[in-house]
Amino acid sequence: MGQWRVSPVERSSGSRQYRRLNRGGDRQANAALHRVVQTRLRVDPRTQDYYERRSKEGRTRRGIVRSLKRYAAREVFHLVRPVQS
């Protein structure tokens, strides 16, 4: 499998440093993570609560979904990584 599309890339805007999503990489993995997040937003109460909380903080929908995709990618990575013996 290629590079995950949602891998973080360091960015900075003068005085502020942050990470954004990698725009290259595996489109199928990105599409799968997108479906996971959209489904969670519809049916998962924890994800819905997270969305509401972040919205009240002034975050945009795109920013919230980006955060949720990173969270989902970390979860999937821990499920599929090889076990070290």
N, C-alpha and C. Protein backbone atom coordinates (compact mmCIF):
# COMPACT_ATOMS: atom_id res chain seq x y z
N MET A 1 0.85 -1.17 0.00
CA MET A 1 0.00 0.00 0.00
C MET A 1 0.89 1.23 0.00
N GLY A 2 0.48 2.27 -0.72
CA GLY A 2 1.25 3.50 -0.82
C GLY A 2 1.15 4.35 0.43
N GLN A 3 1.67 5.55 0.31
CA GLN A 3 1.66 6.48 1.43
C GLN A 3 0.22 6.91 1.74
N TRP A 4 -0.14 6.95 3.03
CA TRP A 4 -1.48 7.38 3.41
C TRP A 4 -1.65 8.85 3.09
N ARG A 5 -2.71 9.20 2.48
CA ARG A 5 -2.97 10.56 2.06
C ARG A 5 -3.10 11.50 3.25
N VAL A 6 -3.50 11.03 4.38
CA VAL A 6 -3.73 11.91 5.52
C VAL A 6 -2.51 12.03 6.43
N SER A 7 -1.35 11.60 5.94
CA SER A 7 -0.16 11.73 6.77
C SER A 7 0.13 13.22 7.00
N PRO A 8 0.55 13.58 8.21
CA PRO A 8 0.77 15.00 8.50
C PRO A 8 2.02 15.54 7.81
N VAL A 9 1.96 16.78 7.40
CA VAL A 9 3.07 17.49 6.80
C VAL A 9 3.25 18.77 7.62
N GLU A 10 4.48 19.05 8.04
CA GLU A 10 4.74 20.25 8.83
C GLU A 10 4.53 21.49 7.97
N ARG A 11 3.84 22.47 8.52
CA ARG A 11 3.60 23.75 7.83
C ARG A 11 3.84 24.86 8.83
N SER A 12 4.13 26.03 8.36
CA SER A 12 4.24 27.17 9.26
C SER A 12 3.80 28.43 8.52
N SER A 13 3.23 29.35 9.29
CA SER A 13 2.80 30.62 8.71
C SER A 13 3.38 31.73 9.58
N GLY A 14 4.65 31.97 9.43
CA GLY A 14 5.29 33.00 10.23
C GLY A 14 5.50 32.57 11.66
N SER A 15 4.63 33.04 12.54
CA SER A 15 4.81 32.76 13.97
C SER A 15 4.11 31.48 14.41
N ARG A 16 3.32 30.87 13.56
CA ARG A 16 2.53 29.70 13.94
C ARG A 16 3.00 28.47 13.18
N GLN A 17 3.23 27.39 13.91
CA GLN A 17 3.58 26.12 13.28
C GLN A 17 2.45 25.13 13.49
N TYR A 18 2.13 24.38 12.46
CA TYR A 18 1.06 23.40 12.57
C TYR A 18 1.28 22.32 11.53
N ARG A 19 0.42 21.30 11.56
CA ARG A 19 0.49 20.22 10.59
C ARG A 19 -0.75 20.26 9.72
N ARG A 20 -0.58 19.92 8.47
CA ARG A 20 -1.72 19.78 7.58
C ARG A 20 -1.65 18.40 6.95
N LEU A 21 -2.69 18.03 6.23
CA LEU A 21 -2.72 16.72 5.60
C LEU A 21 -1.88 16.73 4.33
N ASN A 22 -1.29 15.58 4.06
CA ASN A 22 -0.52 15.40 2.84
C ASN A 22 -1.49 15.31 1.67
N ARG A 23 -1.28 16.12 0.65
CA ARG A 23 -2.20 16.10 -0.50
C ARG A 23 -1.90 15.00 -1.49
N GLY A 24 -0.76 14.36 -1.35
CA GLY A 24 -0.42 13.23 -2.22
C GLY A 24 -0.71 11.93 -1.51
N GLY A 25 -0.37 10.84 -2.11
CA GLY A 25 -0.49 9.56 -1.42
C GLY A 25 -1.61 8.68 -1.93
N ASP A 26 -2.08 7.80 -1.08
CA ASP A 26 -3.00 6.75 -1.45
C ASP A 26 -4.45 7.25 -1.47
N ARG A 27 -5.02 7.38 -2.64
CA ARG A 27 -6.39 7.90 -2.78
C ARG A 27 -7.43 6.91 -2.24
N GLN A 28 -7.18 5.62 -2.39
CA GLN A 28 -8.14 4.64 -1.88
C GLN A 28 -8.18 4.67 -0.35
N ALA A 29 -7.02 4.83 0.27
CA ALA A 29 -6.98 4.92 1.73
C ALA A 29 -7.70 6.19 2.19
N ASN A 30 -7.48 7.29 1.47
CA ASN A 30 -8.15 8.54 1.82
C ASN A 30 -9.66 8.40 1.67
N ALA A 31 -10.11 7.76 0.61
CA ALA A 31 -11.54 7.58 0.40
C ALA A 31 -12.14 6.72 1.50
N ALA A 32 -11.42 5.68 1.92
CA ALA A 32 -11.91 4.81 3.00
C ALA A 32 -12.02 5.59 4.30
N LEU A 33 -11.00 6.39 4.63
CA LEU A 33 -11.06 7.20 5.85
C LEU A 33 -12.19 8.23 5.78
N HIS A 34 -12.41 8.78 4.60
CA HIS A 34 -13.51 9.73 4.43
C HIS A 34 -14.85 9.06 4.72
N ARG A 35 -15.04 7.85 4.21
CA ARG A 35 -16.28 7.11 4.48
C ARG A 35 -16.44 6.79 5.96
N VAL A 36 -15.33 6.42 6.61
CA VAL A 36 -15.38 6.12 8.04
C VAL A 36 -15.85 7.35 8.82
N VAL A 37 -15.26 8.50 8.52
CA VAL A 37 -15.60 9.73 9.25
C VAL A 37 -17.04 10.13 8.96
N GLN A 38 -17.46 10.08 7.70
CA GLN A 38 -18.84 10.47 7.38
C GLN A 38 -19.85 9.56 8.07
N THR A 39 -19.55 8.27 8.13
CA THR A 39 -20.45 7.33 8.81
C THR A 39 -20.48 7.61 10.30
N ARG A 40 -19.30 7.83 10.89
CA ARG A 40 -19.26 8.15 12.32
C ARG A 40 -20.03 9.43 12.63
N LEU A 41 -19.94 10.42 11.77
CA LEU A 41 -20.67 11.67 12.00
C LEU A 41 -22.18 11.44 12.01
N ARG A 42 -22.64 10.45 11.23
CA ARG A 42 -24.08 10.16 11.18
C ARG A 42 -24.55 9.31 12.35
N VAL A 43 -23.74 8.33 12.80
CA VAL A 43 -24.27 7.34 13.74
C VAL A 43 -23.55 7.25 15.08
N ASP A 44 -22.36 7.79 15.23
CA ASP A 44 -21.59 7.63 16.46
C ASP A 44 -21.78 8.84 17.39
N PRO A 45 -22.39 8.63 18.56
CA PRO A 45 -22.62 9.76 19.47
C PRO A 45 -21.34 10.46 19.93
N ARG A 46 -20.25 9.71 20.14
CA ARG A 46 -18.99 10.35 20.56
C ARG A 46 -18.47 11.29 19.49
N THR A 47 -18.53 10.85 18.24
CA THR A 47 -18.07 11.69 17.13
C THR A 47 -18.96 12.91 16.98
N GLN A 48 -20.25 12.73 17.12
CA GLN A 48 -21.19 13.85 17.04
C GLN A 48 -20.92 14.86 18.15
N ASP A 49 -20.66 14.38 19.37
CA ASP A 49 -20.34 15.28 20.48
C ASP A 49 -19.05 16.05 20.20
N TYR A 50 -18.04 15.34 19.67
CA TYR A 50 -16.77 15.97 19.32
C TYR A 50 -17.01 17.08 18.29
N TYR A 51 -17.83 16.77 17.27
CA TYR A 51 -18.12 17.75 16.22
C TYR A 51 -18.79 18.99 16.81
N GLU A 52 -19.77 18.79 17.68
CA GLU A 52 -20.48 19.92 18.29
C GLU A 52 -19.53 20.76 19.15
N ARG A 53 -18.70 20.10 19.94
CA ARG A 53 -17.77 20.81 20.82
C ARG A 53 -16.80 21.65 20.00
N ARG A 54 -16.23 21.06 18.94
CA ARG A 54 -15.28 21.80 18.11
C ARG A 54 -15.95 22.93 17.33
N SER A 55 -17.21 22.72 16.92
CA SER A 55 -17.95 23.78 16.22
C SER A 55 -18.13 24.99 17.12
N LYS A 56 -18.46 24.74 18.38
CA LYS A 56 -18.64 25.83 19.33
C LYS A 56 -17.34 26.57 19.61
N GLU A 57 -16.20 25.90 19.40
CA GLU A 57 -14.89 26.53 19.56
C GLU A 57 -14.53 27.38 18.34
N GLY A 58 -15.35 27.31 17.30
CA GLY A 58 -15.10 28.12 16.10
C GLY A 58 -14.38 27.40 14.98
N ARG A 59 -14.18 26.10 15.10
CA ARG A 59 -13.52 25.34 14.04
C ARG A 59 -14.46 25.17 12.86
N THR A 60 -13.90 25.10 11.65
CA THR A 60 -14.70 24.88 10.46
C THR A 60 -15.00 23.40 10.30
N ARG A 61 -16.00 23.06 9.49
CA ARG A 61 -16.33 21.66 9.24
C ARG A 61 -15.14 20.93 8.62
N ARG A 62 -14.48 21.57 7.67
CA ARG A 62 -13.32 20.95 7.03
C ARG A 62 -12.23 20.64 8.03
N GLY A 63 -11.98 21.57 8.95
CA GLY A 63 -10.96 21.36 9.97
C GLY A 63 -11.32 20.23 10.91
N ILE A 64 -12.59 20.15 11.28
CA ILE A 64 -13.05 19.09 12.17
C ILE A 64 -12.94 17.74 11.49
N VAL A 65 -13.36 17.66 10.24
CA VAL A 65 -13.28 16.40 9.50
C VAL A 65 -11.82 16.00 9.32
N ARG A 66 -10.94 16.96 9.07
CA ARG A 66 -9.51 16.67 8.94
C ARG A 66 -8.98 16.05 10.22
N SER A 67 -9.36 16.61 11.37
CA SER A 67 -8.94 16.06 12.66
C SER A 67 -9.48 14.65 12.87
N LEU A 68 -10.74 14.45 12.50
CA LEU A 68 -11.35 13.13 12.66
C LEU A 68 -10.68 12.10 11.75
N LYS A 69 -10.26 12.51 10.55
CA LYS A 69 -9.57 11.60 9.65
C LYS A 69 -8.21 11.20 10.22
N ARG A 70 -7.51 12.16 10.82
CA ARG A 70 -6.23 11.82 11.45
C ARG A 70 -6.45 10.84 12.59
N TYR A 71 -7.48 11.08 13.40
CA TYR A 71 -7.78 10.19 14.52
C TYR A 71 -8.10 8.78 14.01
N ALA A 72 -8.93 8.70 12.96
CA ALA A 72 -9.29 7.39 12.39
C ALA A 72 -8.06 6.71 11.80
N ALA A 73 -7.17 7.47 11.15
CA ALA A 73 -5.96 6.88 10.58
C ALA A 73 -5.08 6.28 11.67
N ARG A 74 -4.97 6.97 12.82
CA ARG A 74 -4.18 6.42 13.93
C ARG A 74 -4.80 5.12 14.44
N GLU A 75 -6.13 5.10 14.56
CA GLU A 75 -6.80 3.88 15.02
C GLU A 75 -6.54 2.72 14.06
N VAL A 76 -6.70 2.97 12.77
CA VAL A 76 -6.50 1.91 11.77
C VAL A 76 -5.05 1.45 11.77
N PHE A 77 -4.11 2.38 11.87
CA PHE A 77 -2.70 2.03 11.88
C PHE A 77 -2.39 1.07 13.02
N HIS A 78 -2.93 1.35 14.21
CA HIS A 78 -2.66 0.48 15.35
C HIS A 78 -3.30 -0.90 15.16
N LEU A 79 -4.34 -0.99 14.37
CA LEU A 79 -4.99 -2.28 14.12
C LEU A 79 -4.24 -3.11 13.09
N VAL A 80 -3.59 -2.47 12.11
CA VAL A 80 -2.98 -3.21 11.01
C VAL A 80 -1.46 -3.32 11.10
N ARG A 81 -0.83 -2.62 12.02
CA ARG A 81 0.64 -2.69 12.10
C ARG A 81 1.09 -4.08 12.55
N PRO A 82 2.23 -4.50 12.08
CA PRO A 82 2.71 -5.83 12.47
C PRO A 82 3.10 -5.85 13.96
N VAL A 83 2.84 -6.98 14.59
CA VAL A 83 3.18 -7.15 15.99
C VAL A 83 4.67 -7.46 16.08
N GLN A 84 5.38 -6.73 16.94
CA GLN A 84 6.80 -6.98 17.11
C GLN A 84 7.01 -8.09 18.12
N SER A 85 7.87 -9.05 17.77
CA SER A 85 8.09 -10.19 18.68
C SER A 85 9.39 -10.09 19.43
